[in-house]
Amino acid sequence: KPVPVSESVVPKEILENARKSLKTDVSKPVAKCSVCGAPCAPTSTEGLCWVCRRLKISAWHESDQQMSAQE
């Protein structure tokens, strides 16, 4: 049995525009982490990847705990 051709719900023009926008998003240069060289986290303002950013936050947290224990 031949399968009936279904009409697309989304117009072809919109699909083409979406495909073109994806191609331009992929080609954007990604900043490198200043510590390890991995791609930076998109929300990072320090120029760190998500791993180095998390390590930095953890180190701050630990140093704050040590300071309060010494006082």
C-alpha atoms as a PDB file:
ATOM      1  CA  LYS A   1       0.000   0.000   0.000  1.00  0.00           C
ATOM      2  CA  PRO A   2       1.347   3.451  -0.775  1.00  0.00           C
ATOM      3  CA  VAL A   3       1.677   5.718   2.228  1.00  0.00           C
ATOM      4  CA  PRO A   4      -0.326   8.941   1.814  1.00  0.00           C
ATOM      5  CA  VAL A   5       1.787  12.074   1.766  1.00  0.00           C
ATOM      6  CA  SER A   6       0.867  14.227   4.733  1.00  0.00           C
ATOM      7  CA  GLU A   7       1.034  17.967   4.528  1.00  0.00           C
ATOM      8  CA  SER A   8       3.506  19.717   6.776  1.00  0.00           C
ATOM      9  CA  VAL A   9       2.034  21.631   9.686  1.00  0.00           C
ATOM     10  CA  VAL A  10       4.843  24.194   9.589  1.00  0.00           C
ATOM     11  CA  PRO A  11       5.247  26.215   6.380  1.00  0.00           C
ATOM     12  CA  LYS A  12       8.434  25.564   4.369  1.00  0.00           C
ATOM     13  CA  GLU A  13       9.548  29.200   4.702  1.00  0.00           C
ATOM     14  CA  ILE A  14       9.627  28.965   8.491  1.00  0.00           C
ATOM     15  CA  LEU A  15      11.534  25.665   8.373  1.00  0.00           C
ATOM     16  CA  GLU A  16      14.153  27.137   6.039  1.00  0.00           C
ATOM     17  CA  ASN A  17      14.602  30.201   8.267  1.00  0.00           C
ATOM     18  CA  ALA A  18      15.039  27.935  11.285  1.00  0.00           C
ATOM     19  CA  ARG A  19      17.647  25.833   9.481  1.00  0.00           C
ATOM     20  CA  LYS A  20      19.567  28.936   8.420  1.00  0.00           C
ATOM     21  CA  SER A  21      19.555  30.343  11.954  1.00  0.00           C
ATOM     22  CA  LEU A  22      20.910  27.050  13.309  1.00  0.00           C
ATOM     23  CA  LYS A  23      23.789  27.146  10.850  1.00  0.00           C
ATOM     24  CA  THR A  24      24.767  30.651  11.971  1.00  0.00           C
ATOM     25  CA  ASP A  25      24.515  29.719  15.670  1.00  0.00           C
ATOM     26  CA  VAL A  26      26.880  26.769  15.266  1.00  0.00           C
ATOM     27  CA  SER A  27      29.523  28.832  13.498  1.00  0.00           C
ATOM     28  CA  LYS A  28      29.857  31.377  16.328  1.00  0.00           C
ATOM     29  CA  PRO A  29      33.309  31.237  17.921  1.00  0.00           C
ATOM     30  CA  VAL A  30      33.279  29.897  21.455  1.00  0.00           C
ATOM     31  CA  ALA A  31      35.538  31.497  24.048  1.00  0.00           C
ATOM     32  CA  LYS A  32      38.056  29.239  25.769  1.00  0.00           C
ATOM     33  CA  CYS A  33      38.369  28.795  29.528  1.00  0.00           C
ATOM     34  CA  SER A  34      41.277  30.804  30.909  1.00  0.00           C
ATOM     35  CA  VAL A  35      42.244  27.899  33.209  1.00  0.00           C
ATOM     36  CA  CYS A  36      41.870  24.670  31.230  1.00  0.00           C
ATOM     37  CA  GLY A  37      41.102  25.750  27.641  1.00  0.00           C
ATOM     38  CA  ALA A  38      37.683  24.072  27.445  1.00  0.00           C
ATOM     39  CA  PRO A  39      34.760  26.005  25.911  1.00  0.00           C
ATOM     40  CA  CYS A  40      33.423  28.663  28.286  1.00  0.00           C
ATOM     41  CA  ALA A  41      30.064  28.356  29.943  1.00  0.00           C
ATOM     42  CA  PRO A  42      27.554  30.606  28.155  1.00  0.00           C
ATOM     43  CA  THR A  43      26.674  32.399  31.392  1.00  0.00           C
ATOM     44  CA  SER A  44      30.263  32.819  32.614  1.00  0.00           C
ATOM     45  CA  THR A  45      31.486  36.389  32.901  1.00  0.00           C
ATOM     46  CA  GLU A  46      34.874  35.307  34.273  1.00  0.00           C
ATOM     47  CA  GLY A  47      35.948  33.380  31.162  1.00  0.00           C
ATOM     48  CA  LEU A  48      35.674  29.976  32.855  1.00  0.00           C
ATOM     49  CA  CYS A  49      34.151  26.690  31.748  1.00  0.00           C
ATOM     50  CA  TRP A  50      31.417  25.212  33.934  1.00  0.00           C
ATOM     51  CA  VAL A  51      33.859  22.842  35.711  1.00  0.00           C
ATOM     52  CA  CYS A  52      36.396  25.535  36.631  1.00  0.00           C
ATOM     53  CA  ARG A  53      33.572  27.895  37.606  1.00  0.00           C
ATOM     54  CA  ARG A  54      32.123  25.238  39.932  1.00  0.00           C
ATOM     55  CA  LEU A  55      35.559  24.561  41.456  1.00  0.00           C
ATOM     56  CA  LYS A  56      36.019  28.276  42.087  1.00  0.00           C
ATOM     57  CA  ILE A  57      32.636  28.550  43.817  1.00  0.00           C
ATOM     58  CA  SER A  58      33.415  25.464  45.932  1.00  0.00           C
ATOM     59  CA  ALA A  59      36.796  26.883  46.928  1.00  0.00           C
ATOM     60  CA  TRP A  60      35.163  30.150  48.011  1.00  0.00           C
ATOM     61  CA  HIS A  61      32.623  28.225  50.066  1.00  0.00           C
ATOM     62  CA  GLU A  62      35.329  26.150  51.787  1.00  0.00           C
ATOM     63  CA  SER A  63      37.475  29.193  52.560  1.00  0.00           C
ATOM     64  CA  ASP A  64      34.450  30.960  54.088  1.00  0.00           C
ATOM     65  CA  GLN A  65      33.822  27.946  56.340  1.00  0.00           C
ATOM     66  CA  GLN A  66      37.463  27.836  57.445  1.00  0.00           C
ATOM     67  CA  MET A  67      37.470  31.557  58.247  1.00  0.00           C
ATOM     68  CA  SER A  68      34.379  31.252  60.441  1.00  0.00           C
ATOM     69  CA  ALA A  69      35.856  28.196  62.231  1.00  0.00           C
ATOM     70  CA  GLN A  70      39.046  30.137  63.082  1.00  0.00           C
ATOM     71  CA  GLU A  71      37.082  33.029  64.572  1.00  0.00           C
END
